[in-house]
């Protein structure tokens, strides 16, 4: 049997503390305005496209470079 490096003491109090902490964070949040949402969506979209482009460039280099070197 694998032993954990720490003991997991889950009690009603500890679960209650975690739930209260999460509820406190949720109370502080607010719905973003349309402008905020669109800005976040644009930045996320640009990030996804950038990562995709970098991945595509690496893929092309790793597939075409051996063919170019062999010639």
C-alpha atoms as a PDB file:
ATOM      1  CA  UNK A   1       0.000   0.000   0.000  1.00  0.00           C
ATOM      2  CA  UNK A   2       1.272   3.475  -0.894  1.00  0.00           C
ATOM      3  CA  UNK A   3       1.507   5.870   2.025  1.00  0.00           C
ATOM      4  CA  UNK A   4       0.888   9.553   1.574  1.00  0.00           C
ATOM      5  CA  UNK A   5       3.577  11.964   2.788  1.00  0.00           C
ATOM      6  CA  UNK A   6       0.930  13.800   4.815  1.00  0.00           C
ATOM      7  CA  UNK A   7      -2.212  12.918   6.660  1.00  0.00           C
ATOM      8  CA  UNK A   8      -5.511  14.021   5.225  1.00  0.00           C
ATOM      9  CA  UNK A   9      -7.671  15.189   8.095  1.00  0.00           C
ATOM     10  CA  UNK A  10     -10.991  16.138   6.549  1.00  0.00           C
ATOM     11  CA  UNK A  11     -13.475  17.391   9.065  1.00  0.00           C
ATOM     12  CA  UNK A  12     -16.758  19.296   8.900  1.00  0.00           C
ATOM     13  CA  UNK A  13     -14.953  22.410  10.079  1.00  0.00           C
ATOM     14  CA  UNK A  14     -12.239  22.247   7.412  1.00  0.00           C
ATOM     15  CA  UNK A  15     -14.797  21.684   4.660  1.00  0.00           C
ATOM     16  CA  UNK A  16     -16.871  24.573   6.020  1.00  0.00           C
ATOM     17  CA  UNK A  17     -13.821  26.857   6.023  1.00  0.00           C
ATOM     18  CA  UNK A  18     -13.069  26.014   2.392  1.00  0.00           C
ATOM     19  CA  UNK A  19     -16.674  26.637   1.340  1.00  0.00           C
ATOM     20  CA  UNK A  20     -16.763  29.967   3.216  1.00  0.00           C
ATOM     21  CA  UNK A  21     -13.499  31.032   1.532  1.00  0.00           C
ATOM     22  CA  UNK A  22     -14.899  30.207  -1.892  1.00  0.00           C
ATOM     23  CA  UNK A  23     -18.158  32.026  -1.179  1.00  0.00           C
ATOM     24  CA  UNK A  24     -16.194  35.097  -0.032  1.00  0.00           C
ATOM     25  CA  UNK A  25     -14.345  35.167  -3.359  1.00  0.00           C
ATOM     26  CA  UNK A  26     -17.588  34.730  -5.313  1.00  0.00           C
ATOM     27  CA  UNK A  27     -19.155  37.677  -3.463  1.00  0.00           C
ATOM     28  CA  UNK A  28     -16.257  39.907  -4.568  1.00  0.00           C
ATOM     29  CA  UNK A  29     -16.616  39.052  -8.248  1.00  0.00           C
ATOM     30  CA  UNK A  30     -18.734  41.036 -10.663  1.00  0.00           C
ATOM     31  CA  UNK A  31     -20.076  40.457 -14.129  1.00  0.00           C
ATOM     32  CA  UNK A  32     -17.771  42.052 -16.706  1.00  0.00           C
ATOM     33  CA  UNK A  33     -19.123  44.801 -18.920  1.00  0.00           C
ATOM     34  CA  UNK A  34     -19.542  44.076 -22.614  1.00  0.00           C
ATOM     35  CA  UNK A  35     -16.388  46.064 -23.393  1.00  0.00           C
ATOM     36  CA  UNK A  36     -14.331  44.147 -20.793  1.00  0.00           C
ATOM     37  CA  UNK A  37     -15.630  40.829 -22.090  1.00  0.00           C
ATOM     38  CA  UNK A  38     -14.817  41.674 -25.713  1.00  0.00           C
ATOM     39  CA  UNK A  39     -11.307  42.818 -24.757  1.00  0.00           C
ATOM     40  CA  UNK A  40     -10.666  39.600 -22.830  1.00  0.00           C
ATOM     41  CA  UNK A  41     -12.068  37.521 -25.711  1.00  0.00           C
ATOM     42  CA  UNK A  42      -9.844  39.317 -28.241  1.00  0.00           C
ATOM     43  CA  UNK A  43      -6.708  38.841 -26.127  1.00  0.00           C
ATOM     44  CA  UNK A  44      -7.525  35.156 -25.558  1.00  0.00           C
ATOM     45  CA  UNK A  45      -8.202  34.654 -29.280  1.00  0.00           C
ATOM     46  CA  UNK A  46      -4.926  36.313 -30.251  1.00  0.00           C
ATOM     47  CA  UNK A  47      -3.105  34.126 -27.726  1.00  0.00           C
ATOM     48  CA  UNK A  48      -4.687  30.956 -29.124  1.00  0.00           C
ATOM     49  CA  UNK A  49      -3.790  31.984 -32.672  1.00  0.00           C
ATOM     50  CA  UNK A  50      -0.209  32.803 -31.638  1.00  0.00           C
ATOM     51  CA  UNK A  51       0.289  29.435 -29.935  1.00  0.00           C
ATOM     52  CA  UNK A  52      -1.241  27.677 -32.950  1.00  0.00           C
ATOM     53  CA  UNK A  53       1.009  29.564 -35.355  1.00  0.00           C
ATOM     54  CA  UNK A  54       4.120  28.750 -33.344  1.00  0.00           C
ATOM     55  CA  UNK A  55       3.102  25.088 -33.215  1.00  0.00           C
ATOM     56  CA  UNK A  56       2.491  25.043 -36.978  1.00  0.00           C
ATOM     57  CA  UNK A  57       5.879  26.640 -37.684  1.00  0.00           C
ATOM     58  CA  UNK A  58       7.613  24.067 -35.466  1.00  0.00           C
ATOM     59  CA  UNK A  59       5.688  21.253 -37.197  1.00  0.00           C
ATOM     60  CA  UNK A  60       6.678  22.516 -40.665  1.00  0.00           C
ATOM     61  CA  UNK A  61      10.303  22.908 -39.626  1.00  0.00           C
ATOM     62  CA  UNK A  62      10.459  19.399 -38.153  1.00  0.00           C
ATOM     63  CA  UNK A  63       8.827  17.799 -41.191  1.00  0.00           C
ATOM     64  CA  UNK A  64      10.436  19.803 -44.005  1.00  0.00           C
ATOM     65  CA  UNK A  65      13.895  20.458 -42.553  1.00  0.00           C
ATOM     66  CA  UNK A  66      15.059  16.816 -42.779  1.00  0.00           C
ATOM     67  CA  UNK A  67      14.024  16.746 -46.438  1.00  0.00           C
ATOM     68  CA  UNK A  68      15.918  19.978 -47.171  1.00  0.00           C
ATOM     69  CA  UNK A  69      19.037  18.752 -45.348  1.00  0.00           C
ATOM     70  CA  UNK A  70      18.995  15.390 -47.161  1.00  0.00           C
ATOM     71  CA  UNK A  71      19.158  17.067 -50.585  1.00  0.00           C
END
